[in-house]
């Protein structure tokens, strides 16, 4: 087992957790699973949440500082960031469009979705979160038996608030057009860092801090940069250490979540995986559209000398490595080689654009996050309004800047996006069974997006020796 790759161990843990949940349903072990296995899955979630904010904070600051002296960035730096962020916004918007049209979360049995909805309302009541709509199943006496069953099965029966009905939600106060932007700016960054739901405030602070650091004299900035980079490495190592125990944690997480959803009725498990099939197809459809429609369109507009078929052939080694490693960072050396040698992009451009892309450009990951959040909301009978979906676009786009280019980081970022719209971050366990294969495909899209932007920037900047020439200094 020691020689077995970590992702295979995690996959084994996933399937063993599902098998355990099915067996516990048949043999009536659900209570044992809930009391003795599920807590280890929640510990895993808490460990990931523990490092989410500092990981994002220092990754974003490090990524901004990595741009270098703002005086030497010129139009190339601005074009790079604008193009990366534009493709990310397109990816998130495409994901939202697909998931709202396909509605993969509604393909599950209505009884299962009703139980999921009650579990969501119980969780919201326990956590003090505002329920997103007016369905309020806890207030309907018809659901009393089902509420008691779900509360006991999912561990809410000991919470003192469960026995009381939810009070009628207060009408939301009218907010001004700039309230959303106002809420992004923290009045106390340390207070914001104690709440995973305030991630947008942390991201704003990180962006502001990183940009300000670029304007500080080099001799004074370097010690700060060294500390930021060092802390970033420490938190990435913490991710690595946590993931060493991931096979067991994932086993416990899957066993707990599936058992909580199905109870002693294994038939409900198959309803879960029916929904996951449509979810997977929605994500894959969006990723394929990004790779074979959006990127070719960008290439056709800006790069006349290269067909997209030739482009794909040139970067195929990097794509294969991205598929096998699920890591943009591990693929970066090969991506640089492919872009410079096969696509004939100036090394001065590729060495600047691609490393930034490995940090700030996560098109595939952002699209997957958008689809996952809406899917999880749909399967819990939650209807997110336009403002909340715009929050997803903004959060997923900004979070992608701080999403470390490693396989496990996307999981942390998805938890952040879920928290930003008031949903339970532990729901990531529901989509874990299919996450590995989707992670491999979305990493291919991430790397393809990096190479596309680098090729476009190289083509546009080819005749601008003044901007490219600064890298000779």
Protein backbone atom coordinates (compact mmCIF):
# COMPACT_ATOMS: atom_id res chain seq x y z
CA UNK A 1 0.00 0.00 0.00
CA UNK A 2 2.94 2.35 0.63
CA UNK A 3 3.83 2.39 -3.09
CA UNK A 4 0.24 3.06 -4.12
CA UNK A 5 -0.33 6.64 -5.30
CA UNK A 6 -2.33 8.84 -2.94
CA UNK A 7 -5.19 9.38 -5.38
CA UNK A 8 -5.68 5.61 -5.68
CA UNK A 9 -5.74 5.32 -1.89
CA UNK A 10 -8.37 8.09 -1.76
CA UNK A 11 -10.45 6.36 -4.46
CA UNK A 12 -10.25 3.10 -2.48
CA UNK A 13 -11.31 4.99 0.64
CA UNK A 14 -14.24 6.50 -1.26
CA UNK A 15 -15.54 3.15 -2.45
CA UNK A 16 -14.99 1.48 0.92
CA UNK A 17 -16.94 4.31 2.56
CA UNK A 18 -19.82 3.85 0.12
CA UNK A 19 -19.77 0.06 0.58
CA UNK A 20 -19.78 0.51 4.35
CA UNK A 21 -22.76 2.87 4.10
CA UNK A 22 -24.70 0.37 1.98
CA UNK A 23 -23.91 -2.46 4.41
CA UNK A 24 -24.82 -0.30 7.39
CA UNK A 25 -28.16 0.34 5.72
CA UNK A 26 -28.82 -3.36 5.21
CA UNK A 27 -27.71 -4.44 8.69
CA UNK A 28 -29.00 -1.46 10.67
CA UNK A 29 -25.59 -0.03 11.59
CA UNK A 30 -26.47 3.55 10.68
CA UNK A 31 -26.39 4.76 14.28
CA UNK A 32 -22.90 3.29 14.78
CA UNK A 33 -21.72 4.93 11.55
CA UNK A 34 -23.16 8.30 12.58
CA UNK A 35 -21.66 8.19 16.08
CA UNK A 36 -18.25 6.59 15.48
CA UNK A 37 -17.25 7.15 11.86
CA UNK A 38 -18.93 10.37 10.71
CA UNK A 39 -17.09 12.55 13.30
CA UNK A 40 -13.75 11.72 11.64
CA UNK A 41 -15.10 13.03 8.36
CA UNK A 42 -16.13 16.27 10.08
CA UNK A 43 -12.65 16.53 11.59
CA UNK A 44 -11.27 16.33 8.04
CA UNK A 45 -13.57 19.17 6.97
CA UNK A 46 -12.52 21.24 9.99
CA UNK A 47 -8.83 20.72 9.20
CA UNK A 48 -9.38 21.99 5.65
CA UNK A 49 -11.40 24.95 6.91
CA UNK A 50 -8.63 25.64 9.43
CA UNK A 51 -6.12 26.42 6.70
CA UNK A 52 -8.52 27.88 4.09
CA UNK A 53 -8.23 31.54 5.05
CA UNK A 54 -4.45 31.71 5.65
CA UNK A 55 -3.81 29.67 2.49
CA UNK A 56 -5.87 32.09 0.39
CA UNK A 57 -4.42 35.15 2.13
CA UNK A 58 -0.77 34.32 1.58
CA UNK A 59 -1.26 32.71 -1.84
CA UNK A 60 -2.94 35.85 -3.20
CA UNK A 61 -0.36 38.19 -1.70
CA UNK A 62 2.43 35.99 -3.08
CA UNK A 63 0.78 35.87 -6.51
CA UNK A 64 0.40 39.65 -6.68
CA UNK A 65 3.97 40.23 -5.50
CA UNK A 66 5.15 37.72 -8.10
CA UNK A 67 4.15 40.22 -10.78
CA UNK A 68 7.25 42.26 -9.87
CA UNK A 69 7.86 45.98 -9.92
CA UNK A 70 4.69 47.65 -11.24
CA UNK A 71 6.83 50.14 -13.18
CA UNK A 72 8.10 47.27 -15.33
CA UNK A 73 4.81 45.46 -15.85
CA UNK A 74 3.56 47.71 -18.64
CA UNK A 75 0.71 46.69 -20.84
CA UNK A 76 1.78 43.04 -20.84
CA UNK A 77 1.01 42.63 -17.15
CA UNK A 78 -2.35 44.37 -17.49
CA UNK A 79 -3.27 42.30 -20.57
CA UNK A 80 -2.27 39.10 -18.83
CA UNK A 81 -4.39 39.73 -15.74
CA UNK A 82 -7.37 41.04 -17.72
CA UNK A 83 -7.34 38.06 -20.08
CA UNK A 84 -6.92 35.54 -17.25
CA UNK A 85 -9.72 37.08 -15.20
CA UNK A 86 -11.94 37.42 -18.28
CA UNK A 87 -11.64 33.73 -19.16
CA UNK A 88 -12.34 32.83 -15.52
CA UNK A 89 -15.51 34.95 -15.46
CA UNK A 90 -16.58 33.32 -18.76
CA UNK A 91 -15.93 29.86 -17.28
CA UNK A 92 -17.96 30.54 -14.13
CA UNK A 93 -20.81 32.10 -16.13
CA UNK A 94 -20.82 29.14 -18.53
CA UNK A 95 -20.97 26.75 -15.60
CA UNK A 96 -23.92 28.62 -14.09
CA UNK A 97 -25.72 28.65 -17.44
CA UNK A 98 -25.31 24.90 -17.92
CA UNK A 99 -26.33 23.92 -14.38
CA UNK A 100 -29.38 26.23 -14.41
CA UNK A 101 -30.54 24.78 -17.73
CA UNK A 102 -29.73 21.09 -17.07
CA UNK A 103 -30.78 21.20 -13.36
CA UNK A 104 -28.85 18.00 -12.46
CA UNK A 105 -29.81 18.31 -8.79
CA UNK A 106 -33.51 17.90 -9.56
CA UNK A 107 -33.11 14.46 -11.12
CA UNK A 108 -33.14 12.80 -7.71
CA UNK A 109 -36.20 11.28 -6.06
CA UNK A 110 -38.43 14.00 -4.58
CA UNK A 111 -38.55 12.28 -1.18
CA UNK A 112 -34.76 12.26 -0.98
CA UNK A 113 -34.64 15.96 -1.91
CA UNK A 114 -37.28 16.70 0.73
CA UNK A 115 -35.15 15.01 3.39
CA UNK A 116 -32.12 16.94 2.15
CA UNK A 117 -34.11 20.17 2.44
CA UNK A 118 -35.10 19.43 6.03
CA UNK A 119 -31.47 18.62 6.85
CA UNK A 120 -30.43 21.95 5.32
CA UNK A 121 -32.97 23.89 7.38
CA UNK A 122 -31.85 22.09 10.54
CA UNK A 123 -28.22 22.92 9.75
CA UNK A 124 -29.09 26.57 9.02
CA UNK A 125 -30.95 26.81 12.32
CA UNK A 126 -28.07 25.24 14.22
CA UNK A 127 -25.45 27.49 12.59
CA UNK A 128 -27.52 30.67 12.72
CA UNK A 129 -27.56 30.94 8.93
CA UNK A 130 -30.48 32.60 7.15
CA UNK A 131 -32.58 30.19 5.08
CA UNK A 132 -32.52 31.32 1.45
CA UNK A 133 -36.23 31.11 0.64
CA UNK A 134 -39.70 30.81 2.14
CA UNK A 135 -40.24 27.04 1.89
CA UNK A 136 -39.71 26.49 5.65
CA UNK A 137 -40.49 22.78 5.93
CA UNK A 138 -39.70 22.83 9.66
CA UNK A 139 -42.78 25.00 10.25
CA UNK A 140 -45.15 22.53 8.54
CA UNK A 141 -46.73 20.09 11.07
CA UNK A 142 -47.18 17.55 8.26
CA UNK A 143 -43.40 17.05 8.25
CA UNK A 144 -43.05 16.47 12.01
CA UNK A 145 -42.26 12.74 11.78
CA UNK A 146 -39.85 13.23 8.90
CA UNK A 147 -38.15 16.11 10.75
CA UNK A 148 -37.65 13.92 13.83
CA UNK A 149 -36.25 11.09 11.71
CA UNK A 150 -33.83 13.31 9.79
CA UNK A 151 -32.78 15.18 12.95
CA UNK A 152 -31.95 11.95 14.74
CA UNK A 153 -30.22 10.38 11.76
CA UNK A 154 -28.11 13.43 10.96
CA UNK A 155 -27.09 14.33 14.48
CA UNK A 156 -29.26 17.40 15.04
CA UNK A 157 -31.44 15.85 17.75
CA UNK A 158 -29.18 17.09 20.57
CA UNK A 159 -29.30 20.72 19.43
CA UNK A 160 -31.49 22.75 21.77
CA UNK A 161 -33.04 24.73 18.91
CA UNK A 162 -34.36 21.76 16.94
CA UNK A 163 -37.47 21.29 19.09
CA UNK A 164 -38.64 24.82 18.39
CA UNK A 165 -40.06 25.92 15.06
CA UNK A 166 -38.25 28.45 12.97
CA UNK A 167 -39.63 31.90 13.55
CA UNK A 168 -41.03 33.79 10.62
CA UNK A 169 -38.02 35.24 8.81
CA UNK A 170 -37.73 38.98 9.06
CA UNK A 171 -38.17 40.86 5.85
CA UNK A 172 -34.83 41.76 4.39
CA UNK A 173 -34.01 45.42 4.68
CA UNK A 174 -33.81 47.31 1.43
CA UNK A 175 -30.19 47.59 0.43
CA UNK A 176 -28.58 50.15 -1.81
CA UNK A 177 -26.95 49.37 -5.15
CA UNK A 178 -23.44 49.52 -3.67
CA UNK A 179 -24.12 47.44 -0.56
CA UNK A 180 -22.49 44.39 -2.15
CA UNK A 181 -19.24 46.31 -2.75
CA UNK A 182 -19.47 47.93 0.68
CA UNK A 183 -19.71 44.50 2.30
CA UNK A 184 -16.51 43.41 0.58
CA UNK A 185 -14.42 45.98 2.46
CA UNK A 186 -13.68 44.83 6.03
CA UNK A 187 -13.60 47.21 8.95
CA UNK A 188 -11.48 44.71 10.87
CA UNK A 189 -9.42 42.22 8.89
CA UNK A 190 -8.68 40.06 11.95
CA UNK A 191 -12.39 39.70 12.61
CA UNK A 192 -12.92 38.78 8.95
CA UNK A 193 -10.22 36.11 9.20
CA UNK A 194 -12.09 34.37 12.02
CA UNK A 195 -15.08 33.68 9.77
CA UNK A 196 -14.90 31.48 6.65
CA UNK A 197 -18.07 33.21 5.46
CA UNK A 198 -16.14 36.50 5.21
CA UNK A 199 -13.72 35.21 2.60
CA UNK A 200 -14.46 38.04 0.16
CA UNK A 201 -13.25 40.50 2.77
CA UNK A 202 -10.06 38.50 3.24
CA UNK A 203 -9.51 38.36 -0.53
CA UNK A 204 -10.02 42.14 -0.76
CA UNK A 205 -7.45 42.69 1.99
CA UNK A 206 -4.98 40.28 0.34
CA UNK A 207 -5.32 42.03 -3.03
CA UNK A 208 -4.93 45.47 -1.41
CA UNK A 209 -1.94 44.35 0.67
CA UNK A 210 -0.23 42.68 -2.30
CA UNK A 211 -0.69 45.71 -4.57
CA UNK A 212 0.55 48.07 -1.85
CA UNK A 213 3.60 45.86 -1.32
CA UNK A 214 4.55 46.32 -4.98
CA UNK A 215 5.03 50.03 -4.35
CA UNK A 216 7.21 49.61 -1.26
CA UNK A 217 10.99 50.05 -1.84
CA UNK A 218 12.61 46.70 -2.62
CA UNK A 219 14.94 46.63 0.38
CA UNK A 220 11.99 47.04 2.77
CA UNK A 221 9.60 44.81 0.82
CA UNK A 222 11.88 41.78 0.49
CA UNK A 223 11.70 40.71 4.17
CA UNK A 224 7.90 40.90 4.03
CA UNK A 225 7.82 38.97 0.74
CA UNK A 226 10.10 36.31 2.23
CA UNK A 227 7.77 35.92 5.21
CA UNK A 228 4.69 35.74 2.95
CA UNK A 229 6.28 33.13 0.69
CA UNK A 230 7.52 31.17 3.69
CA UNK A 231 4.10 31.14 5.34
CA UNK A 232 2.50 30.15 2.05
CA UNK A 233 4.86 27.16 1.86
CA UNK A 234 4.00 26.20 5.45
CA UNK A 235 0.27 26.16 4.75
CA UNK A 236 0.78 24.19 1.53
CA UNK A 237 2.77 21.68 3.59
CA UNK A 238 -0.13 21.53 6.04
CA UNK A 239 -2.38 20.61 3.12
CA UNK A 240 0.12 17.92 2.19
CA UNK A 241 0.18 16.51 5.72
CA UNK A 242 -3.62 16.53 5.99
CA UNK A 243 -3.88 14.73 2.66
CA UNK A 244 -1.65 11.93 3.94
CA UNK A 245 -4.54 10.94 6.16
CA UNK A 246 -7.10 11.63 3.45
CA UNK A 247 -7.83 7.96 2.56
CA UNK A 248 -9.12 7.25 6.08
CA UNK A 249 -10.79 10.64 6.46
CA UNK A 250 -12.52 10.27 3.08
CA UNK A 251 -13.68 6.76 4.03
CA UNK A 252 -15.23 8.16 7.22
CA UNK A 253 -16.65 11.19 5.42
CA UNK A 254 -18.31 9.13 2.70
CA UNK A 255 -19.58 6.51 5.13
CA UNK A 256 -21.07 9.23 7.32
CA UNK A 257 -22.60 11.38 4.57
CA UNK A 258 -24.10 8.52 2.56
CA UNK A 259 -25.38 6.82 5.70
CA UNK A 260 -26.90 10.08 6.96
CA UNK A 261 -28.66 10.61 3.63
CA UNK A 262 -29.89 7.02 3.28
CA UNK A 263 -30.36 5.86 6.85
CA UNK A 264 -31.41 2.22 6.88
CA UNK A 265 -32.79 2.44 3.31
CA UNK A 266 -29.96 1.59 0.85
CA UNK A 267 -32.23 2.37 -2.13
CA UNK A 268 -31.73 6.07 -1.41
CA UNK A 269 -28.01 5.67 -2.10
CA UNK A 270 -28.73 4.86 -5.73
CA UNK A 271 -30.80 8.04 -6.00
CA UNK A 272 -27.72 9.98 -4.85
CA UNK A 273 -25.53 8.49 -7.57
CA UNK A 274 -28.19 9.07 -10.20
CA UNK A 275 -27.94 12.75 -9.37
CA UNK A 276 -24.12 12.59 -9.44
CA UNK A 277 -24.23 11.17 -12.98
CA UNK A 278 -26.08 14.23 -14.28
CA UNK A 279 -23.81 16.50 -12.24
CA UNK A 280 -20.71 14.90 -13.77
CA UNK A 281 -22.10 15.25 -17.29
CA UNK A 282 -22.87 18.93 -16.64
CA UNK A 283 -19.31 19.62 -15.44
CA UNK A 284 -17.73 17.66 -18.31
CA UNK A 285 -19.97 19.42 -20.84
CA UNK A 286 -18.86 22.81 -19.54
CA UNK A 287 -15.18 21.82 -19.52
CA UNK A 288 -15.38 20.54 -23.10
CA UNK A 289 -17.05 23.77 -24.21
CA UNK A 290 -14.24 25.77 -22.62
CA UNK A 291 -11.56 23.63 -24.27
CA UNK A 292 -13.09 23.28 -27.74
CA UNK A 293 -15.29 26.38 -28.17
CA UNK A 294 -14.19 29.26 -25.93
CA UNK A 295 -10.42 28.85 -26.30
CA UNK A 296 -10.56 28.25 -30.09
CA UNK A 297 -12.65 31.42 -30.42
CA UNK A 298 -10.06 33.42 -28.49
CA UNK A 299 -7.26 31.92 -30.60
CA UNK A 300 -9.11 32.63 -33.85
CA UNK A 301 -9.51 36.30 -32.93
CA UNK A 302 -5.94 36.97 -31.77
CA UNK A 303 -3.65 34.34 -33.33
CA UNK A 304 -3.91 34.01 -37.10
CA UNK A 305 -0.74 31.99 -37.72
CA UNK A 306 -1.78 28.95 -35.69
CA UNK A 307 -4.79 26.67 -36.13
CA UNK A 308 -6.36 25.37 -32.96
CA UNK A 309 -5.59 21.82 -34.11
CA UNK A 310 -1.94 22.79 -34.29
CA UNK A 311 -2.25 24.46 -30.91
CA UNK A 312 -3.69 21.31 -29.30
CA UNK A 313 -0.99 19.18 -30.90
CA UNK A 314 1.68 21.52 -29.55
CA UNK A 315 0.50 21.45 -25.94
CA UNK A 316 -0.71 17.81 -25.83
CA UNK A 317 2.29 16.64 -23.71
CA UNK A 318 1.40 19.21 -21.07
CA UNK A 319 -2.27 18.21 -21.24
CA UNK A 320 -1.44 14.53 -20.69
CA UNK A 321 0.73 15.36 -17.70
CA UNK A 322 -1.97 17.65 -16.30
CA UNK A 323 -4.51 14.82 -16.66
CA UNK A 324 -2.31 12.35 -14.80
CA UNK A 325 -1.09 14.67 -12.01
CA UNK A 326 -4.12 16.95 -11.51
CA UNK A 327 -1.60 19.70 -10.76
CA UNK A 328 -0.96 22.86 -12.78
CA UNK A 329 2.21 23.47 -10.74
CA UNK A 330 3.67 20.04 -11.47
CA UNK A 331 2.87 20.52 -15.16
CA UNK A 332 4.35 24.04 -15.40
CA UNK A 333 7.88 23.04 -16.60
CA UNK A 334 6.40 20.93 -19.42
CA UNK A 335 3.87 23.68 -20.27
CA UNK A 336 6.74 26.19 -20.59
CA UNK A 337 8.62 23.83 -22.90
CA UNK A 338 5.57 23.14 -25.09
CA UNK A 339 4.62 26.82 -25.41
CA UNK A 340 8.15 27.97 -26.20
CA UNK A 341 9.27 25.17 -28.54
CA UNK A 342 6.06 23.91 -30.15
CA UNK A 343 4.01 27.11 -30.24
CA UNK A 344 7.06 29.37 -30.77
CA UNK A 345 6.12 31.89 -28.09
CA UNK A 346 8.93 34.18 -26.96
CA UNK A 347 10.42 32.77 -23.70
CA UNK A 348 10.40 36.30 -22.28
CA UNK A 349 6.63 36.24 -22.60
CA UNK A 350 5.96 32.63 -21.56
CA UNK A 351 8.23 32.81 -18.50
CA UNK A 352 6.17 35.79 -17.31
CA UNK A 353 2.64 34.73 -18.28
CA UNK A 354 2.60 31.00 -17.49
CA UNK A 355 3.78 31.10 -13.84
CA UNK A 356 1.12 33.72 -13.14
CA UNK A 357 -1.44 31.51 -14.87
CA UNK A 358 -0.54 28.56 -12.64
CA UNK A 359 -1.63 30.74 -9.70
CA UNK A 360 -4.43 32.99 -10.90
CA UNK A 361 -5.95 31.15 -13.89
CA UNK A 362 -8.18 28.27 -12.80
CA UNK A 363 -10.89 28.28 -15.48
CA UNK A 364 -11.72 24.59 -15.17
CA UNK A 365 -11.76 24.71 -11.38
CA UNK A 366 -13.94 27.84 -11.33
CA UNK A 367 -16.46 26.30 -13.76
CA UNK A 368 -16.64 23.14 -11.65
CA UNK A 369 -17.20 25.20 -8.49
CA UNK A 370 -20.11 27.06 -10.07
CA UNK A 371 -21.78 23.84 -11.24
CA UNK A 372 -21.12 22.09 -7.90
CA UNK A 373 -22.60 24.86 -5.75
CA UNK A 374 -25.83 25.13 -7.77
CA UNK A 375 -26.12 21.31 -8.02
CA UNK A 376 -25.80 20.95 -4.25
CA UNK A 377 -28.35 23.73 -3.76
CA UNK A 378 -30.77 22.06 -6.20
CA UNK A 379 -30.57 18.68 -4.51
CA UNK A 380 -31.45 20.41 -1.22
CA UNK A 381 -34.39 22.23 -2.86
CA UNK A 382 -32.68 25.63 -2.49
CA UNK A 383 -33.28 28.24 -5.16
CA UNK A 384 -30.40 30.70 -5.28
CA UNK A 385 -31.44 34.08 -6.65
CA UNK A 386 -29.55 36.25 -9.14
CA UNK A 387 -27.66 38.18 -6.45
CA UNK A 388 -26.44 34.94 -4.85
CA UNK A 389 -25.36 33.56 -8.21
CA UNK A 390 -23.48 36.80 -8.91
CA UNK A 391 -21.79 36.24 -5.55
CA UNK A 392 -20.73 32.81 -6.82
CA UNK A 393 -19.22 34.39 -9.95
CA UNK A 394 -17.29 36.94 -7.92
CA UNK A 395 -16.18 34.54 -5.18
CA UNK A 396 -15.14 31.77 -7.58
CA UNK A 397 -13.23 34.26 -9.75
CA UNK A 398 -11.40 35.90 -6.85
CA UNK A 399 -10.84 32.61 -5.03
CA UNK A 400 -9.22 31.20 -8.16
CA UNK A 401 -6.47 33.81 -7.70
CA UNK A 402 -5.55 32.19 -4.41
CA UNK A 403 -6.22 28.62 -5.43
CA UNK A 404 -2.92 26.81 -5.07
CA UNK A 405 -1.97 24.79 -8.14
CA UNK A 406 -2.23 21.45 -6.35
CA UNK A 407 -4.94 18.76 -6.47
CA UNK A 408 -6.32 19.37 -2.96
CA UNK A 409 -6.69 23.15 -3.15
CA UNK A 410 -9.83 23.12 -5.31
CA UNK A 411 -11.61 21.32 -2.47
CA UNK A 412 -10.79 24.16 -0.09
CA UNK A 413 -11.90 26.77 -2.62
CA UNK A 414 -15.25 25.02 -3.15
CA UNK A 415 -15.87 25.17 0.59
CA UNK A 416 -15.19 28.92 0.44
CA UNK A 417 -17.70 29.42 -2.39
CA UNK A 418 -20.34 27.37 -0.54
CA UNK A 419 -19.81 29.45 2.61
CA UNK A 420 -20.07 32.71 0.65
CA UNK A 421 -23.71 31.96 -0.21
CA UNK A 422 -24.62 30.50 3.18
CA UNK A 423 -24.53 26.80 2.28
CA UNK A 424 -23.02 23.95 4.29
CA UNK A 425 -19.33 23.48 3.29
CA UNK A 426 -19.49 19.84 4.45
CA UNK A 427 -21.62 19.11 1.36
CA UNK A 428 -18.39 18.69 -0.59
CA UNK A 429 -18.48 15.10 0.66
CA UNK A 430 -21.52 14.44 -1.55
CA UNK A 431 -19.57 15.04 -4.78
CA UNK A 432 -16.30 13.44 -3.65
CA UNK A 433 -17.01 10.06 -5.33
CA UNK A 434 -16.69 11.64 -8.79
CA UNK A 435 -14.29 14.44 -7.92
CA UNK A 436 -11.03 12.75 -8.88
CA UNK A 437 -11.85 12.17 -12.56
CA UNK A 438 -13.39 15.65 -12.83
CA UNK A 439 -10.27 17.08 -11.17
CA UNK A 440 -8.10 15.48 -13.86
CA UNK A 441 -10.20 16.97 -16.67
CA UNK A 442 -10.48 20.44 -15.15
CA UNK A 443 -6.70 20.56 -14.65
CA UNK A 444 -6.33 19.91 -18.38
CA UNK A 445 -8.62 22.89 -19.00
CA UNK A 446 -6.60 25.03 -16.55
CA UNK A 447 -3.34 24.25 -18.37
CA UNK A 448 -4.96 24.73 -21.80
CA UNK A 449 -6.21 28.12 -20.66
CA UNK A 450 -2.72 29.10 -19.46
CA UNK A 451 -1.22 28.14 -22.82
CA UNK A 452 -3.97 29.96 -24.73
CA UNK A 453 -3.41 33.21 -22.85
CA UNK A 454 0.38 32.92 -23.18
CA UNK A 455 0.08 32.38 -26.94
CA UNK A 456 -2.31 35.33 -27.32
CA UNK A 457 -0.13 37.64 -25.22
CA UNK A 458 2.95 36.52 -27.17
CA UNK A 459 1.24 37.25 -30.47
CA UNK A 460 -0.13 40.64 -29.43
CA UNK A 461 3.17 41.68 -27.85
CA UNK A 462 5.38 40.41 -30.67
CA UNK A 463 5.89 43.85 -32.19
CA UNK A 464 6.13 45.72 -28.91
CA UNK A 465 9.82 45.40 -28.14
CA UNK A 466 9.66 48.07 -25.48
CA UNK A 467 7.23 46.04 -23.34
CA UNK A 468 8.89 42.68 -23.91
CA UNK A 469 12.36 44.11 -23.59
CA UNK A 470 11.98 44.97 -19.93
CA UNK A 471 12.60 41.32 -19.14
CA UNK A 472 16.14 41.62 -20.49
CA UNK A 473 17.03 43.86 -17.55
